[in-house]
């Protein structure tokens, strides 16, 4: 049984809900007579979540069966395998078997799944998953994690970057998340956790791992750049390594070992000197900076230029824009948006964000830019505007930048953007960024009037 057995009830409840949705989506595909891309991707993500949760919790039978289902849907979504009635029948049988295992007292430990695996493997036809011997190790020896060529090329084909990440998940530092499973659900909104393992050897190899949290080895695929991945995970940039070419990857994930200054004599002083193993996420940054006691007047003036300013930048076409980082709660890849009748053209609809119904607006259409089809790089920024959560669709996210007061100048009159929407123009490393008053652009009260 898993060493994280206290998390299993949560995993079982979530996985049963996934299986219900998978079954419904497959029935829709059968009725339509065609494999709709959106439905196939949705099923893939659901199966992937079950597989990754089972892997993390050490539930081998569930992991193996869901992994083989994942192989099938990965091939289908990349047009390498046709979704036939034979496949749908086998997958539905596996859904029933997974449900049976999840509802059993041992969570599938005693089940014989050999016939189910054989049935799914037969569906793969000429595209069987790579054997263990064909695996290409993408990280240092002893990390107990690898990535096969097919998966890597499939992710690259989707326009994603692939990263190797090692860090220690400290629940006390990640205050937004009550459990590790909840943490993984959140980071999968911006990318795909391809593989994850609990790597106890990290505690021995790296002095910066305390052993108080969960030492994790992760392969993560996303459209985001390296610095934003580090920001979302709440870790240092050095802990994120991009895997560019698997055939040549022989990287040792070298993280500088922390040294204790000689003048620190007590353990209390050492704890005070060291940075936390995992930094808080975006929603916690203000607390970390000691701003939780700010008075209301200062808290409302979020667009004021200070001596040091931090902005999240994003692209719309070739232009780069920035908004105050303290307003950004989450960065999400494109989610299913429920349309609203009789809404403004820039109102894309609403999404369900952990029980909150959040309106989603298109940045391009709000400022009357030319409409552009959404793609793999399209991002939804979840921001806080006057104590309300709002989603803003942008072409792609760029980076997090820091600007001093003298790097920000007054904005000239701009043809496309009214002056009341602009804080100023930031200049860094030879490029210009338009800094926006997002609360003015998306004035919820005015738009609702």
Foldseek 3Di string as FASTA:
>chain_A
DFPVVVCLVVLLVLLLVLLVLLLVLLVVCVVVVADDLVSLVSNLVSLQLNLQVCQARVVVVSNLLSVLVNQVSLCVNVVNAGCDPLLSVLVNVSSVVQNVLSPDPVSNPPDDCVVSSVSSQVRCPPNGDDDPVQWQAQEAPLQPDTHHPVVVVSLVVQVKWKKKFKFFDDCVQAVVDPDPSRLVVALVQFWHFNHKYQRPCCVVVAVLDDPNGTIMITIIIGNADQQVNCQQFQADSLRIDIDDDSVPRPDYSDDDHDDDDPPDDDPVSRVVPDDRRGHYHLQCVCVVVVNPPPDPVVVQPLLDADQKFKWWWADAPPAIATEGSNFFDGKGWDDDADADPPAPPQWRHWDQDVNDTATEGEPCVLLVHDDDDAGRAWMWTFGAAPNGTYTYIGNHTYHMDMAGPVQWDAADCDDRDHSVQFSTWGDDPHDIYTYGPVCVSCVPVVSVD
